[in-house]
N, C-alpha and C. Protein backbone atom coordinates (compact mmCIF):
# COMPACT_ATOMS: atom_id res chain seq x y z
N MET A 1 112.71 87.57 110.97
CA MET A 1 112.48 88.81 111.69
C MET A 1 113.73 89.69 111.54
N ILE A 2 113.51 90.97 111.28
CA ILE A 2 114.60 91.94 111.25
C ILE A 2 114.29 93.03 112.28
N LYS A 3 115.29 93.83 112.58
CA LYS A 3 115.08 94.99 113.45
C LYS A 3 115.27 96.23 112.60
N VAL A 4 114.32 97.17 112.73
CA VAL A 4 114.42 98.45 112.05
C VAL A 4 114.32 99.52 113.14
N ASN A 5 115.44 100.21 113.34
CA ASN A 5 115.52 101.22 114.41
C ASN A 5 115.09 100.65 115.75
N GLY A 6 115.53 99.43 116.02
CA GLY A 6 115.29 98.80 117.31
C GLY A 6 113.97 98.09 117.45
N ARG A 7 113.12 98.14 116.42
CA ARG A 7 111.80 97.50 116.49
C ARG A 7 111.76 96.29 115.57
N ASP A 8 111.13 95.22 116.05
CA ASP A 8 111.00 94.02 115.24
C ASP A 8 110.06 94.27 114.07
N ARG A 9 110.43 93.69 112.93
CA ARG A 9 109.61 93.79 111.72
C ARG A 9 109.74 92.47 110.97
N GLU A 10 108.66 92.03 110.38
CA GLU A 10 108.68 90.78 109.62
C GLU A 10 109.66 90.90 108.45
N TRP A 11 110.43 89.84 108.24
CA TRP A 11 111.34 89.77 107.12
C TRP A 11 110.65 89.10 105.95
N GLU A 12 111.02 89.48 104.73
CA GLU A 12 110.50 88.82 103.55
C GLU A 12 111.63 88.63 102.54
N GLU A 13 111.50 87.60 101.72
CA GLU A 13 112.54 87.33 100.72
C GLU A 13 112.67 88.49 99.75
N ASN A 14 113.89 88.66 99.25
CA ASN A 14 114.21 89.70 98.27
C ASN A 14 113.93 91.11 98.76
N LEU A 15 113.99 91.31 100.06
CA LEU A 15 113.79 92.64 100.63
C LEU A 15 115.08 93.44 100.49
N THR A 16 115.01 94.53 99.74
CA THR A 16 116.17 95.41 99.57
C THR A 16 115.99 96.63 100.45
N VAL A 17 117.06 97.39 100.61
CA VAL A 17 116.98 98.64 101.37
C VAL A 17 115.96 99.56 100.72
N GLU A 18 116.00 99.67 99.40
CA GLU A 18 115.05 100.53 98.68
C GLU A 18 113.61 100.13 98.97
N LEU A 19 113.30 98.84 98.92
CA LEU A 19 111.95 98.36 99.17
C LEU A 19 111.54 98.59 100.62
N LEU A 20 112.46 98.36 101.55
CA LEU A 20 112.17 98.59 102.97
C LEU A 20 111.82 100.05 103.22
N LEU A 21 112.58 100.96 102.63
CA LEU A 21 112.30 102.39 102.80
C LEU A 21 110.91 102.73 102.28
N LYS A 22 110.52 102.15 101.15
CA LYS A 22 109.17 102.39 100.61
C LYS A 22 108.10 101.80 101.53
N LYS A 23 108.32 100.59 102.02
CA LYS A 23 107.34 99.94 102.89
C LYS A 23 107.18 100.70 104.21
N CYS A 24 108.27 101.29 104.71
CA CYS A 24 108.22 102.04 105.95
C CYS A 24 107.84 103.50 105.72
N LYS A 25 107.64 103.87 104.46
CA LYS A 25 107.23 105.22 104.06
C LYS A 25 108.23 106.29 104.45
N TYR A 26 109.52 105.96 104.29
CA TYR A 26 110.58 106.94 104.50
C TYR A 26 110.77 107.70 103.19
N THR A 27 110.39 108.96 103.17
CA THR A 27 110.50 109.77 101.95
C THR A 27 111.42 110.96 102.13
N PHE A 28 111.90 111.18 103.36
CA PHE A 28 112.80 112.29 103.63
C PHE A 28 114.03 112.16 102.73
N PRO A 29 114.45 113.22 102.04
CA PRO A 29 115.55 113.09 101.07
C PRO A 29 116.93 112.82 101.67
N LEU A 30 117.17 113.23 102.90
CA LEU A 30 118.49 113.04 103.51
C LEU A 30 118.40 111.93 104.57
N ILE A 31 118.62 110.70 104.11
CA ILE A 31 118.54 109.54 104.99
C ILE A 31 119.86 108.78 104.92
N MET A 32 120.29 108.28 106.07
CA MET A 32 121.47 107.42 106.12
C MET A 32 121.01 106.05 106.60
N VAL A 33 121.47 105.00 105.94
CA VAL A 33 121.07 103.64 106.29
C VAL A 33 122.31 102.83 106.65
N LYS A 34 122.20 102.09 107.75
CA LYS A 34 123.22 101.13 108.15
C LYS A 34 122.56 99.77 108.30
N VAL A 35 123.21 98.74 107.79
CA VAL A 35 122.75 97.37 107.97
C VAL A 35 123.84 96.65 108.74
N ASN A 36 123.49 96.17 109.93
CA ASN A 36 124.46 95.52 110.82
C ASN A 36 125.68 96.40 111.07
N GLY A 37 125.43 97.71 111.21
CA GLY A 37 126.50 98.65 111.52
C GLY A 37 127.29 99.13 110.33
N GLU A 38 127.00 98.62 109.12
CA GLU A 38 127.74 99.00 107.92
C GLU A 38 126.94 100.01 107.11
N TYR A 39 127.55 101.16 106.83
CA TYR A 39 126.90 102.21 106.06
C TYR A 39 126.61 101.72 104.64
N ILE A 40 125.39 102.00 104.16
CA ILE A 40 125.00 101.64 102.80
C ILE A 40 124.80 102.93 102.01
N SER A 41 125.54 103.09 100.94
CA SER A 41 125.41 104.27 100.08
C SER A 41 124.05 104.25 99.38
N ASN A 42 123.46 105.42 99.20
CA ASN A 42 122.13 105.46 98.57
C ASN A 42 122.14 104.89 97.15
N LYS A 43 123.27 104.91 96.48
CA LYS A 43 123.32 104.31 95.14
C LYS A 43 123.25 102.78 95.19
N ASN A 44 123.42 102.20 96.38
CA ASN A 44 123.36 100.75 96.54
C ASN A 44 122.06 100.26 97.17
N TYR A 45 121.11 101.15 97.42
CA TYR A 45 119.86 100.77 98.09
C TYR A 45 119.11 99.68 97.33
N LYS A 46 119.05 99.79 96.00
CA LYS A 46 118.26 98.82 95.23
C LYS A 46 118.95 97.47 95.11
N ASP A 47 120.26 97.42 95.35
CA ASP A 47 121.02 96.18 95.21
C ASP A 47 121.37 95.52 96.54
N THR A 48 121.13 96.20 97.66
CA THR A 48 121.48 95.66 98.97
C THR A 48 120.30 94.89 99.53
N VAL A 49 120.47 93.57 99.63
CA VAL A 49 119.41 92.71 100.13
C VAL A 49 119.53 92.58 101.64
N ILE A 50 118.41 92.74 102.33
CA ILE A 50 118.36 92.61 103.78
C ILE A 50 118.02 91.16 104.10
N MET A 51 118.85 90.54 104.93
CA MET A 51 118.69 89.13 105.27
C MET A 51 117.94 88.99 106.59
N ASP A 52 117.34 87.83 106.78
CA ASP A 52 116.65 87.52 108.03
C ASP A 52 117.63 87.68 109.19
N GLY A 53 117.23 88.41 110.21
CA GLY A 53 118.08 88.64 111.38
C GLY A 53 118.89 89.91 111.34
N ASP A 54 118.87 90.62 110.21
CA ASP A 54 119.65 91.85 110.09
C ASP A 54 119.10 92.96 110.99
N ASP A 55 120.00 93.85 111.38
CA ASP A 55 119.67 95.02 112.19
C ASP A 55 119.85 96.25 111.30
N VAL A 56 118.76 96.95 111.02
CA VAL A 56 118.78 98.09 110.11
C VAL A 56 118.55 99.38 110.90
N GLN A 57 119.41 100.34 110.67
CA GLN A 57 119.26 101.66 111.27
C GLN A 57 118.98 102.64 110.14
N ILE A 58 117.88 103.40 110.27
CA ILE A 58 117.53 104.42 109.29
C ILE A 58 117.53 105.75 110.02
N ILE A 59 118.42 106.64 109.60
CA ILE A 59 118.63 107.89 110.31
C ILE A 59 118.37 109.07 109.40
N HIS A 60 117.50 109.99 109.84
CA HIS A 60 117.23 111.23 109.11
C HIS A 60 118.35 112.21 109.41
N SER A 61 118.95 112.78 108.37
CA SER A 61 119.95 113.83 108.56
C SER A 61 119.22 115.17 108.60
N ILE A 62 119.43 115.89 109.69
CA ILE A 62 118.73 117.16 109.88
C ILE A 62 119.75 118.26 110.18
N ALA A 63 119.60 119.36 109.50
CA ALA A 63 120.46 120.52 109.76
C ALA A 63 119.60 121.59 110.42
N GLY A 64 120.19 122.31 111.30
CA GLY A 64 119.45 123.37 111.97
C GLY A 64 120.36 124.54 112.32
N GLY A 65 119.75 125.55 112.84
CA GLY A 65 120.56 126.70 113.17
C GLY A 65 120.01 127.44 114.34
């Protein structure tokens, strides 16, 4: 089991940040991801494996005026 934005979600083997974003249907272009409080650069999404028990935060960056 992992947490995504505070909600429990089933964990699966070989789950990467990139795959999780696709499964959760996050398509917004300006997204920041943290795994266990550590910022993950978007260039590392496909190589960062999410482990069972990890806490993932997915944050939309929004600008306004």
